[in-house]
N, C-alpha and C. Protein backbone atom coordinates (compact mmCIF):
# COMPACT_ATOMS: atom_id res chain seq x y z
N MET A 1 106.77 108.59 86.32
CA MET A 1 108.35 109.03 87.36
C MET A 1 108.97 109.82 87.71
N GLN A 2 109.27 110.88 88.65
CA GLN A 2 109.92 111.87 88.42
C GLN A 2 111.51 112.16 87.52
N ALA A 3 111.38 113.12 87.31
CA ALA A 3 113.09 113.04 85.93
C ALA A 3 114.00 112.73 87.00
N ALA A 4 113.88 113.31 88.37
CA ALA A 4 115.23 112.83 89.09
C ALA A 4 116.09 111.66 89.91
N LEU A 5 115.03 111.06 89.64
CA LEU A 5 114.88 109.38 89.96
C LEU A 5 115.98 109.07 88.60
N LEU A 6 116.30 109.60 87.49
CA LEU A 6 116.80 109.14 86.60
C LEU A 6 118.21 109.98 86.07
N THR A 7 117.95 111.42 87.19
CA THR A 7 119.52 111.79 86.75
C THR A 7 121.09 110.83 87.03
N ALA A 8 121.67 111.02 86.16
CA ALA A 8 123.23 110.31 86.05
C ALA A 8 124.05 110.91 87.19
N GLY A 9 125.04 110.28 87.69
CA GLY A 9 125.91 110.59 88.90
C GLY A 9 125.37 111.19 90.06
N ARG A 10 124.11 110.80 90.57
CA ARG A 10 124.08 110.93 91.58
C ARG A 10 122.55 109.69 92.56
N SER A 11 122.93 109.63 93.46
CA SER A 11 121.15 108.43 94.06
C SER A 11 120.58 109.40 94.00
N PRO A 12 119.31 108.40 93.63
CA PRO A 12 118.17 109.27 93.95
C PRO A 12 117.49 109.67 95.65
N LEU A 13 116.54 110.52 95.98
CA LEU A 13 116.13 110.48 97.16
C LEU A 13 115.37 109.61 97.17
N VAL A 14 115.25 108.33 97.94
CA VAL A 14 114.57 107.38 98.33
C VAL A 14 114.13 107.31 99.87
N ILE A 15 112.68 107.23 100.37
CA ILE A 15 112.53 107.50 101.77
C ILE A 15 111.80 106.45 102.18
N GLY A 16 112.19 105.66 103.39
CA GLY A 16 111.26 104.29 103.48
C GLY A 16 110.54 105.01 104.49
N VAL A 17 109.31 104.83 105.05
CA VAL A 17 108.30 104.82 106.04
C VAL A 17 107.47 104.04 106.00
N ASP A 18 108.12 103.54 107.58
CA ASP A 18 106.90 102.70 108.12
C ASP A 18 105.85 103.33 109.39
N PRO A 19 104.47 103.08 108.74
CA PRO A 19 103.64 104.07 109.76
C PRO A 19 103.59 103.56 111.27
N SER A 20 103.20 104.00 111.79
CA SER A 20 102.74 103.93 113.39
C SER A 20 102.08 104.55 114.27
N LEU A 21 101.01 104.83 114.95
CA LEU A 21 100.69 105.71 115.13
C LEU A 21 101.43 106.38 116.99
N THR A 22 102.24 105.32 117.04
CA THR A 22 102.94 105.71 118.66
C THR A 22 104.74 105.56 118.24
N CYS A 23 105.13 105.71 117.25
CA CYS A 23 106.41 105.43 116.62
C CYS A 23 106.33 105.20 114.92
N THR A 24 106.53 106.14 114.46
CA THR A 24 106.24 106.03 112.77
C THR A 24 107.51 105.72 112.58
N GLY A 25 108.53 104.87 112.04
CA GLY A 25 109.82 105.24 111.09
C GLY A 25 109.85 105.61 110.32
N ILE A 26 110.94 106.10 109.88
CA ILE A 26 111.32 107.19 108.72
C ILE A 26 112.65 106.64 108.07
N ALA A 27 113.45 106.53 107.43
CA ALA A 27 115.03 106.22 106.96
C ALA A 27 115.62 106.96 105.57
N GLY A 28 116.58 106.57 105.14
CA GLY A 28 117.24 106.77 103.68
C GLY A 28 118.23 106.41 104.19
N ASP A 29 119.60 106.85 102.96
CA ASP A 29 120.79 106.62 102.53
C ASP A 29 121.58 106.96 103.75
N GLY A 30 121.96 106.55 105.06
CA GLY A 30 122.64 106.17 105.46
C GLY A 30 122.06 107.03 107.44
N TRP A 31 120.60 106.92 107.14
CA TRP A 31 119.85 107.35 108.21
C TRP A 31 118.79 106.61 108.60
N ALA A 32 118.36 106.76 109.98
CA ALA A 32 116.85 106.07 110.37
C ALA A 32 116.89 106.93 111.26
N ASP A 33 115.33 107.47 111.46
CA ASP A 33 114.79 107.97 112.35
C ASP A 33 113.72 107.35 113.31
N ALA A 34 112.81 107.77 114.45
CA ALA A 34 111.85 107.42 114.97
C ALA A 34 111.01 108.34 115.24
N LEU A 35 109.35 109.06 114.30
CA LEU A 35 108.91 109.88 115.24
C LEU A 35 108.10 109.54 116.05
N ARG A 36 108.07 110.27 116.82
CA ARG A 36 107.65 109.50 118.12
C ARG A 36 106.10 110.78 118.78
N PRO A 37 104.95 111.10 119.18
CA PRO A 37 104.38 111.80 118.62
C PRO A 37 103.83 112.07 120.40
N LYS A 38 103.85 111.37 121.35
CA LYS A 38 103.85 111.30 123.02
C LYS A 38 103.04 111.18 122.64
N LYS A 39 102.41 112.56 123.26
CA LYS A 39 101.89 112.43 124.80
C LYS A 39 100.43 113.23 124.17
N LEU A 40 100.39 113.14 122.11
CA LEU A 40 99.19 113.61 121.60
C LEU A 40 98.82 112.00 121.19
N ARG A 41 97.12 112.93 121.01
CA ARG A 41 96.26 111.62 120.73
C ARG A 41 95.42 112.42 119.61
N GLY A 42 94.51 111.21 118.76
CA GLY A 42 93.49 111.89 117.91
C GLY A 42 94.26 113.05 116.82
N HIS A 43 93.19 113.60 116.24
CA HIS A 43 93.60 114.67 115.26
C HIS A 43 94.97 115.24 115.70
N PRO A 44 95.46 115.44 116.64
CA PRO A 44 96.57 116.09 116.93
C PRO A 44 97.84 115.56 116.40
N ARG A 45 98.11 114.34 116.82
CA ARG A 45 98.57 113.27 116.57
C ARG A 45 98.60 113.39 114.86
N LEU A 46 97.72 113.12 114.46
CA LEU A 46 97.79 112.50 112.79
C LEU A 46 98.58 114.07 112.44
N GLN A 47 97.95 114.95 113.19
CA GLN A 47 98.20 116.05 112.01
C GLN A 47 100.32 116.33 112.51
N TRP A 48 100.17 116.19 113.86
CA TRP A 48 101.75 116.39 114.06
C TRP A 48 102.43 115.20 112.87
N LEU A 49 102.21 113.72 112.84
CA LEU A 49 103.15 113.07 111.94
C LEU A 49 103.38 112.86 110.88
N ARG A 50 101.58 113.72 110.13
CA ARG A 50 101.53 114.21 109.03
C ARG A 50 102.83 115.15 108.53
N ASP A 51 102.55 116.32 109.49
CA ASP A 51 103.53 116.98 108.96
C ASP A 51 105.55 117.12 109.21
N GLU A 52 105.20 115.53 109.88
CA GLU A 52 107.11 115.52 110.26
C GLU A 52 107.04 114.97 109.35
N VAL A 53 106.57 114.28 108.58
CA VAL A 53 106.49 112.99 107.67
C VAL A 53 106.96 113.93 106.56
N ARG A 54 105.95 114.57 106.45
CA ARG A 54 106.12 115.70 104.90
C ARG A 54 107.46 116.72 104.99
N GLU A 55 108.08 116.52 106.33
CA GLU A 55 108.64 117.85 106.17
C GLU A 55 110.13 116.53 105.60
N ARG A 56 109.90 115.00 106.06
CA ARG A 56 111.46 114.66 105.60
C ARG A 56 111.77 114.20 103.87
N THR A 57 109.56 114.03 103.61
CA THR A 57 109.74 113.63 102.48
C THR A 57 110.30 114.79 101.15
N ARG A 58 109.44 116.31 101.88
CA ARG A 58 109.27 117.25 100.38
C ARG A 58 110.19 117.11 99.10
N ALA A 59 110.98 116.29 99.09
CA ALA A 59 112.23 116.47 97.91
C ALA A 59 112.29 115.50 97.66
N ALA A 60 111.73 114.00 98.28
CA ALA A 60 111.92 112.55 97.71
C ALA A 60 111.30 112.31 96.17
N ASP A 61 112.57 111.83 95.78
CA ASP A 61 112.08 110.93 94.23
C ASP A 61 111.38 109.72 94.07
N LEU A 62 110.86 109.34 95.81
CA LEU A 62 110.08 108.26 95.19
C LEU A 62 110.58 107.43 96.91
N VAL A 63 109.11 106.80 97.93
CA VAL A 63 108.49 106.96 98.77
C VAL A 63 108.39 105.17 98.83
N LEU A 64 108.41 105.23 99.57
CA LEU A 64 107.96 103.44 100.25
C LEU A 64 107.78 103.51 101.52
N ILE A 65 106.21 102.79 101.42
CA ILE A 65 105.49 102.43 103.00
C ILE A 65 105.12 101.07 102.93
N GLU A 66 105.04 101.03 104.04
CA GLU A 66 104.08 99.09 104.54
C GLU A 66 103.02 99.20 105.06
N GLY A 67 102.81 98.42 103.77
CA GLY A 67 101.36 98.56 103.90
C GLY A 67 100.57 98.22 105.57
N ALA A 68 99.86 98.35 105.69
CA ALA A 68 98.98 98.12 107.12
C ALA A 68 98.44 96.83 106.99
N ALA A 69 99.25 96.55 107.67
CA ALA A 69 99.01 95.14 108.56
C ALA A 69 97.33 94.37 109.63
N TYR A 70 96.33 95.20 108.81
CA TYR A 70 95.11 95.59 109.97
C TYR A 70 94.66 93.49 110.49
N GLY A 71 95.65 92.95 110.15
CA GLY A 71 95.31 91.40 110.31
C GLY A 71 95.98 90.98 111.91
N ARG A 72 96.58 91.97 112.21
CA ARG A 72 97.38 91.32 113.61
C ARG A 72 96.48 91.50 114.74
N GLY A 73 96.16 90.90 115.15
CA GLY A 73 94.93 90.34 116.48
C GLY A 73 95.45 91.53 117.85
N GLY A 74 94.79 92.15 118.05
CA GLY A 74 94.92 93.14 119.68
C GLY A 74 95.12 94.87 119.13
N GLN A 75 95.54 94.93 117.47
CA GLN A 75 95.55 96.23 117.40
C GLN A 75 94.64 97.60 117.51
N ALA A 76 94.59 98.08 118.61
CA ALA A 76 93.68 99.47 119.40
C ALA A 76 94.32 100.34 117.50
N GLY A 77 93.06 101.23 117.65
CA GLY A 77 93.13 102.42 116.71
C GLY A 77 93.43 101.97 115.40
N HIS A 78 93.12 100.39 114.77
CA HIS A 78 93.16 100.66 113.06
C HIS A 78 93.00 101.45 112.84
N HIS A 79 91.48 101.97 112.63
CA HIS A 79 91.16 103.32 112.14
C HIS A 79 91.96 104.41 112.07
N GLU A 80 92.30 104.44 113.09
CA GLU A 80 93.51 106.24 113.23
C GLU A 80 94.40 106.01 112.16
N LEU A 81 94.87 104.29 112.23
CA LEU A 81 96.05 104.23 111.89
C LEU A 81 96.13 104.42 110.36
N ALA A 82 94.48 103.17 109.41
CA ALA A 82 94.01 103.98 108.51
C ALA A 82 94.27 105.36 108.08
N GLY A 83 93.56 106.02 109.31
CA GLY A 83 93.95 107.60 108.69
C GLY A 83 95.06 108.02 108.55
N LEU A 84 96.22 107.68 108.91
CA LEU A 84 97.71 108.33 108.81
C LEU A 84 97.95 108.26 107.41
N TRP A 85 97.78 106.98 107.33
CA TRP A 85 98.41 105.66 106.54
C TRP A 85 98.28 106.65 105.08
N TRP A 86 96.41 107.20 105.03
CA TRP A 86 95.92 107.41 103.94
C TRP A 86 96.39 109.32 104.11
N HIS A 87 95.99 110.00 104.96
CA HIS A 87 97.32 111.02 105.31
C HIS A 87 98.17 111.51 104.12
N LEU A 88 98.89 110.34 104.51
CA LEU A 88 100.23 110.39 103.78
C LEU A 88 100.62 110.02 102.57
N THR A 89 100.10 109.44 102.19
CA THR A 89 99.86 108.53 100.52
C THR A 89 99.15 109.72 100.18
N GLN A 90 97.97 110.14 100.77
CA GLN A 90 97.13 111.96 99.97
C GLN A 90 98.13 112.73 99.97
N ASP A 91 99.24 112.80 100.74
CA ASP A 91 100.00 114.19 100.62
C ASP A 91 101.05 113.72 99.28
N TRP A 92 101.49 112.93 99.35
CA TRP A 92 102.88 112.67 98.12
C TRP A 92 101.45 112.20 97.36
N TRP A 93 100.73 112.26 96.66
CA TRP A 93 100.16 112.00 95.45
C TRP A 93 100.06 113.23 94.89
N GLU A 94 99.48 114.25 95.84
CA GLU A 94 99.03 115.75 95.32
C GLU A 94 100.50 116.21 95.39
N ARG A 95 101.39 115.43 95.42
CA ARG A 95 102.92 116.81 95.38
C ARG A 95 103.23 116.20 94.16
N GLY A 96 102.70 114.83 93.66
CA GLY A 96 103.30 113.99 92.43
C GLY A 96 104.90 113.29 93.08
N ILE A 97 104.78 112.94 93.68
CA ILE A 97 105.45 112.32 94.78
C ILE A 97 105.67 110.49 94.54
N PRO A 98 106.09 110.11 93.67
CA PRO A 98 105.86 109.02 93.96
C PRO A 98 105.71 107.85 94.96
N TYR A 99 105.31 106.84 94.93
CA TYR A 99 104.91 105.90 95.92
C TYR A 99 104.58 104.62 96.32
N VAL A 100 105.49 103.59 96.38
CA VAL A 100 104.91 102.56 96.39
C VAL A 100 104.70 101.66 97.99
N VAL A 101 103.76 100.57 97.78
CA VAL A 101 103.51 100.18 99.09
C VAL A 101 103.88 98.69 98.81
N VAL A 102 104.69 98.36 99.98
CA VAL A 102 105.77 97.44 100.38
C VAL A 102 105.11 96.24 101.50
N ASN A 103 104.70 94.95 101.17
CA ASN A 103 104.22 94.31 102.27
C ASN A 103 105.03 93.47 103.27
N PRO A 104 104.50 93.85 104.59
CA PRO A 104 105.53 92.95 105.47
C PRO A 104 106.41 92.34 105.21
N HIS A 105 105.79 91.29 105.06
CA HIS A 105 106.64 89.91 104.17
C HIS A 105 107.83 90.62 103.52
N SER A 106 106.94 90.88 102.32
CA SER A 106 109.00 91.37 101.10
C SER A 106 109.86 92.37 101.86
N ARG A 107 109.41 93.00 102.76
CA ARG A 107 110.13 93.28 103.26
C ARG A 107 111.02 92.73 104.57
N THR A 108 110.74 91.41 104.58
CA THR A 108 111.57 90.50 105.66
C THR A 108 112.14 90.07 104.59
N ILE A 109 111.53 89.39 103.55
CA ILE A 109 112.52 88.67 103.06
C ILE A 109 113.79 89.59 102.53
N TYR A 110 113.75 90.82 102.29
CA TYR A 110 114.29 91.25 101.61
C TYR A 110 115.79 91.93 102.74
N ALA A 111 115.53 91.97 103.79
CA ALA A 111 116.12 91.55 105.15
C ALA A 111 116.75 90.75 105.59
N THR A 112 116.23 89.22 105.29
CA THR A 112 116.41 88.42 105.89
C THR A 112 116.62 87.07 105.72
N GLY A 113 116.56 87.05 104.05
CA GLY A 113 116.25 86.07 103.02
C GLY A 113 114.81 84.98 103.52
N SER A 114 113.65 85.57 104.19
CA SER A 114 112.71 84.29 105.06
C SER A 114 111.72 85.42 104.85
N ALA A 115 110.32 85.30 104.56
CA ALA A 115 109.22 85.49 105.41
C ALA A 115 108.94 85.20 106.77
N ASN A 116 108.79 84.49 107.46
CA ASN A 116 108.97 83.72 108.91
C ASN A 116 110.84 83.40 109.37
N PRO A 117 111.68 84.50 109.42
CA PRO A 117 112.73 83.88 110.04
C PRO A 117 113.40 83.06 111.05
N ALA A 118 111.63 83.79 112.20
CA ALA A 118 111.72 83.01 113.13
C ALA A 118 110.60 82.13 113.27
N LYS A 119 110.82 80.91 112.44
CA LYS A 119 109.57 80.10 112.62
C LYS A 119 110.15 79.07 113.44
N ASP A 120 111.27 78.69 113.67
CA ASP A 120 111.73 77.66 114.71
C ASP A 120 112.03 78.48 116.48
N HIS A 121 111.34 78.94 116.85
CA HIS A 121 111.20 79.77 117.42
C HIS A 121 109.94 79.95 118.16
N PRO A 122 109.88 79.60 119.55
CA PRO A 122 108.23 79.23 120.13
C PRO A 122 107.33 80.78 119.22
N ARG A 123 106.01 80.20 119.27
CA ARG A 123 105.37 81.32 118.51
C ARG A 123 104.66 82.38 118.76
N ALA A 124 104.60 82.28 120.47
CA ALA A 124 104.54 83.80 120.97
C ALA A 124 105.89 84.40 121.25
N LYS A 125 106.85 84.09 120.24
CA LYS A 125 107.95 84.84 120.50
C LYS A 125 108.15 85.42 118.60
N ARG A 126 107.91 84.38 118.17
CA ARG A 126 108.26 84.87 116.69
C ARG A 126 107.98 86.26 115.94
N ALA A 127 107.09 87.40 116.33
CA ALA A 127 107.39 88.31 115.82
C ALA A 127 108.20 89.40 116.76
N ARG A 128 108.51 89.06 117.55
CA ARG A 128 109.12 89.74 118.47
C ARG A 128 111.29 89.71 118.24
N ILE A 129 111.31 88.41 118.03
CA ILE A 129 112.39 87.96 117.61
C ILE A 129 112.40 88.18 115.89
N ALA A 130 111.71 88.41 114.97
CA ALA A 130 111.94 88.48 113.74
C ALA A 130 112.03 90.12 113.63
N LYS A 131 111.67 90.91 114.64
CA LYS A 131 111.82 92.29 114.66
C LYS A 131 113.04 92.88 114.35
N GLY A 132 114.20 91.39 115.56
CA GLY A 132 115.34 91.74 116.35
C GLY A 132 116.35 91.85 114.53
N MET A 133 115.57 90.41 114.32
CA MET A 133 116.61 89.83 112.48
C MET A 133 116.28 90.86 111.86
N VAL A 134 115.28 91.37 111.81
CA VAL A 134 115.49 92.49 110.34
C VAL A 134 116.73 93.66 110.91
N ARG A 135 116.60 94.46 112.21
CA ARG A 135 117.38 94.91 112.75
C ARG A 135 118.77 94.57 113.04
N ASP A 136 119.62 93.54 113.06
CA ASP A 136 120.05 92.99 113.39
C ASP A 136 121.15 92.82 111.62
N ALA A 137 119.70 92.77 110.69
CA ALA A 137 120.49 92.81 108.88
C ALA A 137 120.47 94.34 109.14
N VAL A 138 120.02 95.33 109.43
CA VAL A 138 120.35 96.60 108.91
C VAL A 138 121.99 96.96 109.47
N ALA A 139 122.33 96.25 110.93
CA ALA A 139 123.49 96.84 111.19
C ALA A 139 124.78 96.06 110.78
N GLN A 140 124.45 94.89 110.17
CA GLN A 140 125.49 93.80 109.93
C GLN A 140 125.27 94.14 108.29
N ARG A 141 124.80 94.44 107.80
CA ARG A 141 125.05 94.79 106.18
C ARG A 141 125.09 95.94 105.89
N TYR A 142 124.73 97.14 106.56
CA TYR A 142 124.50 98.45 106.43
C TYR A 142 125.21 99.83 107.23
N GLY A 143 125.79 98.51 108.18
CA GLY A 143 126.18 99.48 109.28
C GLY A 143 125.06 100.57 109.92
N ILE A 144 124.10 100.70 109.95
CA ILE A 144 123.38 101.39 110.83
C ILE A 144 122.84 101.25 111.89
N GLU A 145 122.94 101.03 113.18
CA GLU A 145 122.59 100.94 114.25
C GLU A 145 121.24 101.18 114.49
N CYS A 146 120.26 101.15 114.85
CA CYS A 146 119.44 101.24 115.17
C CYS A 146 119.25 101.16 116.59
N GLU A 147 118.85 102.33 117.36
CA GLU A 147 118.81 101.97 118.64
C GLU A 147 117.35 102.86 119.65
N GLY A 148 117.45 102.48 121.04
CA GLY A 148 116.21 103.37 121.62
C GLY A 148 115.07 102.65 121.07
N PRO A 149 113.61 103.05 121.87
CA PRO A 149 112.60 102.71 121.57
C PRO A 149 111.94 102.20 120.34
N GLY A 150 112.35 103.06 119.59
CA GLY A 150 111.91 102.76 117.96
C GLY A 150 112.60 102.30 116.67
N ARG A 151 113.69 101.16 117.44
CA ARG A 151 114.41 100.60 116.73
C ARG A 151 114.20 100.09 116.03
N TYR A 152 112.97 99.02 116.21
CA TYR A 152 112.38 98.49 115.41
C TYR A 152 111.92 98.74 114.10
N ASP A 153 110.89 100.07 114.05
CA ASP A 153 110.54 100.86 113.49
C ASP A 153 111.54 101.38 111.75
N GLN A 154 112.27 101.87 113.01
CA GLN A 154 113.90 102.39 112.02
C GLN A 154 114.39 101.74 111.38
N ALA A 155 114.15 100.59 112.06
CA ALA A 155 114.80 99.00 110.77
C ALA A 155 113.79 98.99 109.59
N ASP A 156 112.65 98.42 110.01
CA ASP A 156 111.36 98.17 109.28
C ASP A 156 111.86 99.85 108.35
N ALA A 157 112.20 100.89 108.38
CA ALA A 157 112.09 101.66 107.55
C ALA A 157 113.17 102.37 106.24
N PHE A 158 114.32 101.50 107.04
CA PHE A 158 115.77 101.65 106.37
C PHE A 158 115.52 100.75 105.10
N ILE A 159 114.69 99.16 105.90
CA ILE A 159 115.06 98.27 104.74
C ILE A 159 114.03 98.66 103.59
N LEU A 160 112.84 99.70 103.98
CA LEU A 160 112.23 99.63 102.37
C LEU A 160 112.93 100.90 101.67
N ALA A 161 113.64 101.88 102.33
CA ALA A 161 114.53 102.82 101.36
C ALA A 161 115.74 101.94 100.61
N ALA A 162 116.03 100.93 101.38
CA ALA A 162 117.25 100.04 100.55
C ALA A 162 116.40 99.55 99.10
N MET A 163 115.73 98.54 99.35
CA MET A 163 114.82 98.30 98.26
C MET A 163 114.63 99.06 97.23
N GLY A 164 114.35 100.31 98.05
CA GLY A 164 113.70 101.45 96.71
C GLY A 164 114.91 101.91 95.94
N LEU A 165 116.22 102.03 96.86
CA LEU A 165 117.21 102.22 96.02
C LEU A 165 117.89 100.94 95.11
N HIS A 166 117.68 100.07 95.69
CA HIS A 166 118.26 98.43 94.81
C HIS A 166 117.41 98.70 93.38
N TRP A 167 115.98 98.64 93.70
CA TRP A 167 115.34 98.97 92.01
C TRP A 167 116.01 99.87 91.54
N ALA A 168 116.07 101.16 91.94
CA ALA A 168 116.16 102.70 91.11
C ALA A 168 117.69 102.25 90.88
N GLY A 169 118.71 100.89 91.22
CA GLY A 169 119.47 100.97 90.57
C GLY A 169 120.58 101.59 91.41
N TRP A 170 120.54 102.02 92.20
CA TRP A 170 121.57 102.63 93.80
C TRP A 170 121.41 101.60 95.17
N PRO A 171 121.73 100.13 94.84
CA PRO A 171 121.77 99.18 95.79
C PRO A 171 122.25 99.62 97.00
N LEU A 172 122.24 100.05 98.01
CA LEU A 172 123.32 100.35 99.25
C LEU A 172 124.08 99.04 99.55
N ALA A 173 123.73 98.41 99.20
CA ALA A 173 125.40 96.52 99.56
C ALA A 173 124.78 95.89 98.27
N GLU A 174 125.48 94.52 98.48
CA GLU A 174 125.31 93.20 97.96
C GLU A 174 124.33 92.61 98.44
N VAL A 175 123.25 92.16 98.23
CA VAL A 175 122.34 91.70 98.57
C VAL A 175 122.05 90.31 97.90
N PRO A 176 122.26 89.16 98.44
CA PRO A 176 122.16 87.62 98.03
C PRO A 176 120.55 87.45 97.20
N GLU A 177 120.39 86.52 96.42
CA GLU A 177 119.01 86.92 95.97
C GLU A 177 118.32 86.27 96.36
N THR A 178 118.55 85.12 97.53
CA THR A 178 117.58 84.92 98.29
C THR A 178 117.15 86.41 98.66
N HIS A 179 117.18 87.18 99.12
CA HIS A 179 116.95 88.35 99.32
C HIS A 179 116.08 89.17 98.66
N SER A 180 116.73 89.67 97.50
CA SER A 180 116.84 90.15 96.67
C SER A 180 115.40 89.85 95.45
N ARG A 181 115.24 88.61 95.65
CA ARG A 181 113.70 88.47 95.36
C ARG A 181 112.59 89.11 95.81
N ALA A 182 112.84 89.33 97.15
CA ALA A 182 111.91 90.26 97.32
C ALA A 182 111.11 91.59 96.34
N LEU A 183 111.71 91.86 95.92
CA LEU A 183 111.80 92.75 95.05
C LEU A 183 110.73 92.90 94.12
N GLU A 184 110.75 91.73 93.67
CA GLU A 184 109.83 90.95 92.25
C GLU A 184 108.25 91.25 92.90
N ALA A 185 108.49 91.39 94.32
CA ALA A 185 106.87 91.40 94.45
C ALA A 185 106.21 92.60 95.26
N VAL A 186 107.02 93.51 94.44
CA VAL A 186 106.30 95.23 95.22
C VAL A 186 105.58 95.86 93.66
N PRO A 187 104.84 96.33 93.62
CA PRO A 187 103.87 97.32 92.71
C PRO A 187 104.64 98.05 92.06
N TRP A 188 106.03 98.57 91.73
CA TRP A 188 106.69 99.40 91.26
C TRP A 188 105.86 100.48 90.08
N PRO A 189 106.96 101.86 90.21
CA PRO A 189 105.58 102.19 89.17
C PRO A 189 106.27 102.22 87.85
N GLU A 190 105.23 102.67 87.04
CA GLU A 190 105.75 102.10 85.54
C GLU A 190 106.16 103.54 85.15
N PRO A 191 106.97 103.28 84.46
CA PRO A 191 107.78 104.38 83.70
C PRO A 191 106.95 104.94 82.33
N GLU A 192 107.06 106.61 82.35
CA GLU A 192 106.55 107.46 81.85
C GLU A 192 106.56 106.90 80.03
N PRO A 193 105.59 107.28 79.57
CA PRO A 193 105.24 107.08 78.12
C PRO A 193 106.89 107.21 77.17
N GLY A 194 107.51 106.80 76.81
CA GLY A 194 108.52 106.75 75.79
C GLY A 194 109.67 106.12 76.66
N GLN A 195 109.63 106.13 77.72
CA GLN A 195 110.92 105.48 78.30
C GLN A 195 110.96 103.16 78.76
N GLN A 196 111.89 103.33 78.81
CA GLN A 196 112.15 102.21 78.97
C GLN A 196 112.28 101.36 80.70
N ALA A 197 111.73 100.54 80.60
CA ALA A 197 112.40 99.76 81.93
C ALA A 197 113.18 100.05 82.20
N SER A 198 114.16 99.78 81.56
CA SER A 198 116.14 99.59 81.57
C SER A 198 116.48 100.72 82.51
N ASP A 199 115.71 102.09 81.37
CA ASP A 199 116.38 103.12 81.28
C ASP A 199 116.07 104.10 82.95
N LEU A 200 114.75 103.28 83.80
CA LEU A 200 114.09 103.84 84.42
C LEU A 200 115.18 103.25 86.07
N ARG A 201 115.36 101.57 85.57
CA ARG A 201 115.58 100.85 86.72
C ARG A 201 116.87 101.21 86.78
N ARG A 202 117.87 100.84 85.39
CA ARG A 202 119.40 101.07 85.36
C ARG A 202 119.63 99.50 86.25
N ARG A 203 119.05 98.71 86.39
CA ARG A 203 119.63 97.59 87.31
C ARG A 203 120.48 96.44 85.85
N GLU A 204 120.90 96.12 85.08
CA GLU A 204 121.96 95.65 84.04
C GLU A 204 123.31 96.47 84.60
N LYS A 205 123.26 98.03 84.77
CA LYS A 205 124.62 98.35 85.66
C LYS A 205 124.77 97.88 86.50
N ASN A 206 124.28 98.46 87.48
CA ASN A 206 123.95 98.41 88.97
C ASN A 206 123.99 97.59 89.56
N GLY A 207 122.46 96.77 89.45
CA GLY A 207 121.84 95.41 90.26
C GLY A 207 122.48 94.18 89.86
């Protein structure tokens, strides 16, 4: 883990990334954005998204990226999405920026307290309603209003960033245990030899 994550007196720079070919969400403490390549396709689109994400994560102490949900029916271009995912993670790996992969269910639990918060709604509407619930949670708990075509992607990315900051010992808000339990399922980076996990997380003091 980079030493900057352990620096006393300031919060680490933690970035959340929700990769998508049409609208990649990216967020950090106090902000959320949507990267939309618009008319680009194929390699130009991958390059544009890679460059935009790289610029925003170049000084990051930790990046959280959502795992690709290949099981979603009807998802076009899954091979290209996989290419984007590997482009991004390869770049962080080459630059020595720690990153962790977060399961979509863990992200939803941290935001809403449930992996399936819309289970009482008609099946065909659950996915869209659940996305709206995550967006509402970001607005209500953190005061971040995610608007426009990429509002759901922004909200997902912000929750990822909030999870990383919580784990690092700098929670952005008080989160109920029903929600924070999601942190236990994330494969967080191991401390370097000689470091104690408690020193890295600082959770006894701040979490």
